[in-house]
Amino acid sequence: MSKKHYVITSITLGLIAASSGALIGLTNLLTRNKIIENENNKINAGICEIFGKTATISSKSDISGYKYTNLVYHVSVDENDQFVAFKTEGSNMYGKVSLLVGFNLDNNDEYVFTGLSVITNEQTYASTLVTNYLEPLNQGERELDDVSCGATYGAKLVRDMVNEAKEVANKL
């Protein structure tokens, strides 16, 4: 084979790579704002799912130094500001999960788990995790530490995320 053949092959592959990169960049440019908007809508819907339809976010703050917990939302429900929700994100060998974990302040000035809402669930056994662990947990039919559900690794991840969020809530 001649050098000319190698040069043409290299240029062709370079053009394909450059075109692919440009297409990916353009796609990101067009979809980035919509993805952010959809996540914000999921968070607002999750706040209402956890605390009720009258719940509104009164403030939002970044949190650092924790494995799963990265944002706190102070929530008002009917002019009562004793509610917080944390955005948590985690992953394991089965995929990623991000949740809103809600707490309310009890009479002993401690935050008590209220419920959670799924923002994203990319776990391999996502439907099993939701049906056998998350929904019963939200309905009070399952204990947080009872992770044997057919998606045990996902349930353990969620349990760890909720426990860390509770730890953060009580440090606030």
C-alpha atoms as a PDB file:
ATOM      1  CA  MET A   1       0.000   0.000   0.000  1.00  0.00           C
ATOM      2  CA  SER A   2       1.150   3.484  -0.713  1.00  0.00           C
ATOM      3  CA  LYS A   3       1.592   6.387   1.667  1.00  0.00           C
ATOM      4  CA  LYS A   4      -1.207   8.134  -0.189  1.00  0.00           C
ATOM      5  CA  HIS A   5      -3.667   5.432   0.921  1.00  0.00           C
ATOM      6  CA  TYR A   6      -2.672   5.877   4.591  1.00  0.00           C
ATOM      7  CA  VAL A   7      -2.998   9.655   4.364  1.00  0.00           C
ATOM      8  CA  ILE A   8      -6.464   9.448   2.785  1.00  0.00           C
ATOM      9  CA  THR A   9      -7.575   6.914   5.405  1.00  0.00           C
ATOM     10  CA  SER A  10      -6.258   9.133   8.227  1.00  0.00           C
ATOM     11  CA  ILE A  11      -7.957  12.242   6.862  1.00  0.00           C
ATOM     12  CA  THR A  12     -11.239  10.365   6.389  1.00  0.00           C
ATOM     13  CA  LEU A  13     -11.190   9.020   9.952  1.00  0.00           C
ATOM     14  CA  GLY A  14     -10.250  12.459  11.274  1.00  0.00           C
ATOM     15  CA  LEU A  15     -13.193  14.057   9.461  1.00  0.00           C
ATOM     16  CA  ILE A  16     -15.563  11.415  10.817  1.00  0.00           C
ATOM     17  CA  ALA A  17     -14.276  12.010  14.378  1.00  0.00           C
ATOM     18  CA  ALA A  18     -14.515  15.805  14.010  1.00  0.00           C
ATOM     19  CA  SER A  19     -18.047  15.578  12.593  1.00  0.00           C
ATOM     20  CA  SER A  20     -19.127  13.273  15.417  1.00  0.00           C
ATOM     21  CA  GLY A  21     -17.668  15.626  18.029  1.00  0.00           C
ATOM     22  CA  ALA A  22     -19.416  18.600  16.460  1.00  0.00           C
ATOM     23  CA  LEU A  23     -22.723  16.720  16.374  1.00  0.00           C
ATOM     24  CA  ILE A  24     -22.413  15.759  20.045  1.00  0.00           C
ATOM     25  CA  GLY A  25     -21.572  19.365  20.956  1.00  0.00           C
ATOM     26  CA  LEU A  26     -24.544  20.706  18.997  1.00  0.00           C
ATOM     27  CA  THR A  27     -26.886  18.173  20.606  1.00  0.00           C
ATOM     28  CA  ASN A  28     -25.652  19.209  24.052  1.00  0.00           C
ATOM     29  CA  LEU A  29     -26.135  22.875  23.203  1.00  0.00           C
ATOM     30  CA  LEU A  30     -29.718  22.253  22.086  1.00  0.00           C
ATOM     31  CA  THR A  31     -30.781  19.980  24.969  1.00  0.00           C
ATOM     32  CA  ARG A  32     -28.880  21.297  28.019  1.00  0.00           C
ATOM     33  CA  ASN A  33     -31.479  23.879  29.084  1.00  0.00           C
ATOM     34  CA  LYS A  34     -34.376  21.454  28.585  1.00  0.00           C
ATOM     35  CA  ILE A  35     -32.628  18.832  30.734  1.00  0.00           C
ATOM     36  CA  ILE A  36     -32.111  21.393  33.524  1.00  0.00           C
ATOM     37  CA  GLU A  37     -35.748  22.522  33.223  1.00  0.00           C
ATOM     38  CA  ASN A  38     -37.007  18.923  33.411  1.00  0.00           C
ATOM     39  CA  GLU A  39     -34.914  18.237  36.518  1.00  0.00           C
ATOM     40  CA  ASN A  40     -36.240  21.393  38.207  1.00  0.00           C
ATOM     41  CA  ASN A  41     -39.803  20.307  37.374  1.00  0.00           C
ATOM     42  CA  LYS A  42     -39.106  16.864  38.876  1.00  0.00           C
ATOM     43  CA  ILE A  43     -37.725  18.491  42.022  1.00  0.00           C
ATOM     44  CA  ASN A  44     -40.768  20.766  42.407  1.00  0.00           C
ATOM     45  CA  ALA A  45     -43.121  17.824  41.813  1.00  0.00           C
ATOM     46  CA  GLY A  46     -41.126  15.744  44.296  1.00  0.00           C
ATOM     47  CA  ILE A  47     -41.411  18.439  46.979  1.00  0.00           C
ATOM     48  CA  CYS A  48     -45.200  18.422  46.488  1.00  0.00           C
ATOM     49  CA  GLU A  49     -45.260  14.609  46.501  1.00  0.00           C
ATOM     50  CA  ILE A  50     -43.398  14.458  49.823  1.00  0.00           C
ATOM     51  CA  PHE A  51     -44.943  17.414  51.661  1.00  0.00           C
ATOM     52  CA  GLY A  52     -48.278  18.029  49.928  1.00  0.00           C
ATOM     53  CA  LYS A  53     -49.598  20.257  47.173  1.00  0.00           C
ATOM     54  CA  THR A  54     -49.167  23.476  49.156  1.00  0.00           C
ATOM     55  CA  ALA A  55     -45.420  22.935  49.649  1.00  0.00           C
ATOM     56  CA  THR A  56     -43.058  25.487  48.145  1.00  0.00           C
ATOM     57  CA  ILE A  57     -39.300  25.828  48.165  1.00  0.00           C
ATOM     58  CA  SER A  58     -38.337  28.855  50.260  1.00  0.00           C
ATOM     59  CA  SER A  59     -34.561  28.531  49.768  1.00  0.00           C
ATOM     60  CA  LYS A  60     -31.918  26.251  48.303  1.00  0.00           C
ATOM     61  CA  SER A  61     -28.288  25.794  49.382  1.00  0.00           C
ATOM     62  CA  ASP A  62     -25.341  23.740  48.231  1.00  0.00           C
ATOM     63  CA  ILE A  63     -23.809  21.277  50.680  1.00  0.00           C
ATOM     64  CA  SER A  64     -20.301  19.892  50.401  1.00  0.00           C
ATOM     65  CA  GLY A  65     -18.282  17.307  52.236  1.00  0.00           C
ATOM     66  CA  TYR A  66     -20.763  14.455  52.024  1.00  0.00           C
ATOM     67  CA  LYS A  67     -20.764  11.347  49.881  1.00  0.00           C
ATOM     68  CA  TYR A  68     -24.377  11.495  48.648  1.00  0.00           C
ATOM     69  CA  THR A  69     -25.973  14.739  49.843  1.00  0.00           C
ATOM     70  CA  ASN A  70     -25.308  17.849  47.764  1.00  0.00           C
ATOM     71  CA  LEU A  71     -28.281  20.259  48.063  1.00  0.00           C
ATOM     72  CA  VAL A  72     -30.735  21.261  50.765  1.00  0.00           C
ATOM     73  CA  TYR A  73     -34.145  22.773  50.072  1.00  0.00           C
ATOM     74  CA  HIS A  74     -35.928  24.580  52.889  1.00  0.00           C
ATOM     75  CA  VAL A  75     -39.622  23.967  52.329  1.00  0.00           C
ATOM     76  CA  SER A  76     -42.672  25.927  53.485  1.00  0.00           C
ATOM     77  CA  VAL A  77     -46.028  24.242  53.921  1.00  0.00           C
ATOM     78  CA  ASP A  78     -48.912  26.540  54.835  1.00  0.00           C
ATOM     79  CA  GLU A  79     -46.488  29.129  56.309  1.00  0.00           C
ATOM     80  CA  ASN A  80     -44.788  26.411  58.396  1.00  0.00           C
ATOM     81  CA  ASP A  81     -41.013  26.322  57.772  1.00  0.00           C
ATOM     82  CA  GLN A  82     -40.110  23.148  59.659  1.00  0.00           C
ATOM     83  CA  PHE A  83     -39.468  21.035  56.576  1.00  0.00           C
ATOM     84  CA  VAL A  84     -36.297  20.272  54.609  1.00  0.00           C
ATOM     85  CA  ALA A  85     -35.535  18.134  51.601  1.00  0.00           C
ATOM     86  CA  PHE A  86     -32.138  16.988  50.421  1.00  0.00           C
ATOM     87  CA  LYS A  87     -31.069  16.153  46.913  1.00  0.00           C
ATOM     88  CA  THR A  88     -28.952  13.030  47.112  1.00  0.00           C
ATOM     89  CA  GLU A  89     -27.094  11.243  44.335  1.00  0.00           C
ATOM     90  CA  GLY A  90     -25.367   7.889  44.456  1.00  0.00           C
ATOM     91  CA  SER A  91     -24.303   5.000  42.302  1.00  0.00           C
ATOM     92  CA  ASN A  92     -23.303   1.383  42.551  1.00  0.00           C
ATOM     93  CA  MET A  93     -22.450  -1.350  40.059  1.00  0.00           C
ATOM     94  CA  TYR A  94     -26.119  -1.426  38.953  1.00  0.00           C
ATOM     95  CA  GLY A  95     -26.417   2.254  38.058  1.00  0.00           C
ATOM     96  CA  LYS A  96     -27.183   5.730  39.396  1.00  0.00           C
ATOM     97  CA  VAL A  97     -29.979   7.008  41.616  1.00  0.00           C
ATOM     98  CA  SER A  98     -30.849  10.555  42.623  1.00  0.00           C
ATOM     99  CA  LEU A  99     -33.534  11.270  45.189  1.00  0.00           C
ATOM    100  CA  LEU A 100     -35.215  14.007  47.155  1.00  0.00           C
ATOM    101  CA  VAL A 101     -35.335  12.959  50.795  1.00  0.00           C
ATOM    102  CA  GLY A 102     -37.771  14.898  52.968  1.00  0.00           C
ATOM    103  CA  PHE A 103     -37.767  15.515  56.722  1.00  0.00           C
ATOM    104  CA  ASN A 104     -39.941  17.422  59.149  1.00  0.00           C
ATOM    105  CA  LEU A 105     -39.002  18.839  62.533  1.00  0.00           C
ATOM    106  CA  ASP A 106     -40.621  16.996  65.456  1.00  0.00           C
ATOM    107  CA  ASN A 107     -41.357  18.248  68.978  1.00  0.00           C
ATOM    108  CA  ASN A 108     -37.856  17.236  70.150  1.00  0.00           C
ATOM    109  CA  ASP A 109     -36.196  19.490  67.533  1.00  0.00           C
ATOM    110  CA  GLU A 110     -35.041  16.470  65.537  1.00  0.00           C
ATOM    111  CA  TYR A 111     -35.716  15.904  61.885  1.00  0.00           C
ATOM    112  CA  VAL A 112     -37.811  12.824  61.122  1.00  0.00           C
ATOM    113  CA  PHE A 113     -37.926  11.083  57.743  1.00  0.00           C
ATOM    114  CA  THR A 114     -41.105  12.106  55.895  1.00  0.00           C
ATOM    115  CA  GLY A 115     -40.690  10.511  52.492  1.00  0.00           C
ATOM    116  CA  LEU A 116     -38.723  10.485  49.308  1.00  0.00           C
ATOM    117  CA  SER A 117     -39.166  11.146  45.630  1.00  0.00           C
ATOM    118  CA  VAL A 118     -37.140   9.733  42.759  1.00  0.00           C
ATOM    119  CA  ILE A 119     -35.458  12.244  40.464  1.00  0.00           C
ATOM    120  CA  THR A 120     -33.574   9.676  38.386  1.00  0.00           C
ATOM    121  CA  ASN A 121     -33.362   5.905  38.689  1.00  0.00           C
ATOM    122  CA  GLU A 122     -30.932   4.255  36.304  1.00  0.00           C
ATOM    123  CA  GLN A 123     -30.594   1.041  38.313  1.00  0.00           C
ATOM    124  CA  THR A 124     -30.646  -2.248  36.408  1.00  0.00           C
ATOM    125  CA  TYR A 125     -33.566  -3.416  38.587  1.00  0.00           C
ATOM    126  CA  ALA A 126     -35.208   0.026  38.694  1.00  0.00           C
ATOM    127  CA  SER A 127     -38.840  -1.143  38.633  1.00  0.00           C
ATOM    128  CA  THR A 128     -38.158  -3.780  41.305  1.00  0.00           C
ATOM    129  CA  LEU A 129     -36.517  -1.151  43.513  1.00  0.00           C
ATOM    130  CA  VAL A 130     -39.486   1.197  43.142  1.00  0.00           C
ATOM    131  CA  THR A 131     -42.210  -1.438  43.552  1.00  0.00           C
ATOM    132  CA  ASN A 132     -40.660  -3.504  46.355  1.00  0.00           C
ATOM    133  CA  TYR A 133     -38.743  -0.886  48.338  1.00  0.00           C
ATOM    134  CA  LEU A 134     -39.369   2.781  47.565  1.00  0.00           C
ATOM    135  CA  GLU A 135     -43.174   2.744  47.362  1.00  0.00           C
ATOM    136  CA  PRO A 136     -43.636   0.620  50.526  1.00  0.00           C
ATOM    137  CA  LEU A 137     -41.075   2.823  52.319  1.00  0.00           C
ATOM    138  CA  ASN A 138     -43.010   5.965  51.396  1.00  0.00           C
ATOM    139  CA  GLN A 139     -46.292   4.374  52.472  1.00  0.00           C
ATOM    140  CA  GLY A 140     -44.867   3.320  55.847  1.00  0.00           C
ATOM    141  CA  GLU A 141     -45.209  -0.376  54.996  1.00  0.00           C
ATOM    142  CA  ARG A 142     -41.464  -1.073  55.024  1.00  0.00           C
ATOM    143  CA  GLU A 143     -38.678  -0.138  57.409  1.00  0.00           C
ATOM    144  CA  LEU A 144     -35.712   1.747  55.988  1.00  0.00           C
ATOM    145  CA  ASP A 145     -33.269  -0.975  57.071  1.00  0.00           C
ATOM    146  CA  ASP A 146     -35.336  -3.802  55.520  1.00  0.00           C
ATOM    147  CA  VAL A 147     -33.442  -3.831  52.223  1.00  0.00           C
ATOM    148  CA  SER A 148     -34.158  -7.397  51.073  1.00  0.00           C
ATOM    149  CA  CYS A 149     -36.475  -6.641  48.151  1.00  0.00           C
ATOM    150  CA  GLY A 150     -35.153  -8.179  44.938  1.00  0.00           C
ATOM    151  CA  ALA A 151     -33.024  -5.089  44.284  1.00  0.00           C
ATOM    152  CA  THR A 152     -30.999  -5.282  47.477  1.00  0.00           C
ATOM    153  CA  TYR A 153     -27.969  -3.318  46.283  1.00  0.00           C
ATOM    154  CA  GLY A 154     -30.197  -0.471  45.105  1.00  0.00           C
ATOM    155  CA  ALA A 155     -32.122  -0.551  48.391  1.00  0.00           C
ATOM    156  CA  LYS A 156     -28.860  -0.448  50.376  1.00  0.00           C
ATOM    157  CA  LEU A 157     -27.765   2.560  48.350  1.00  0.00           C
ATOM    158  CA  VAL A 158     -31.079   4.330  49.015  1.00  0.00           C
ATOM    159  CA  ARG A 159     -30.873   3.459  52.724  1.00  0.00           C
ATOM    160  CA  ASP A 160     -27.369   4.919  52.935  1.00  0.00           C
ATOM    161  CA  MET A 161     -28.497   8.051  51.094  1.00  0.00           C
ATOM    162  CA  VAL A 162     -31.462   8.555  53.453  1.00  0.00           C
ATOM    163  CA  ASN A 163     -29.325   7.937  56.556  1.00  0.00           C
ATOM    164  CA  GLU A 164     -26.720  10.449  55.413  1.00  0.00           C
ATOM    165  CA  ALA A 165     -29.422  13.031  54.637  1.00  0.00           C
ATOM    166  CA  LYS A 166     -30.884  12.519  58.123  1.00  0.00           C
ATOM    167  CA  GLU A 167     -27.442  13.007  59.640  1.00  0.00           C
ATOM    168  CA  VAL A 168     -27.027  16.240  57.662  1.00  0.00           C
ATOM    169  CA  ALA A 169     -30.523  17.430  58.634  1.00  0.00           C
ATOM    170  CA  ASN A 170     -29.856  17.015  62.321  1.00  0.00           C
ATOM    171  CA  LYS A 171     -26.539  18.909  61.997  1.00  0.00           C
ATOM    172  CA  LEU A 172     -28.303  21.930  60.450  1.00  0.00           C
END
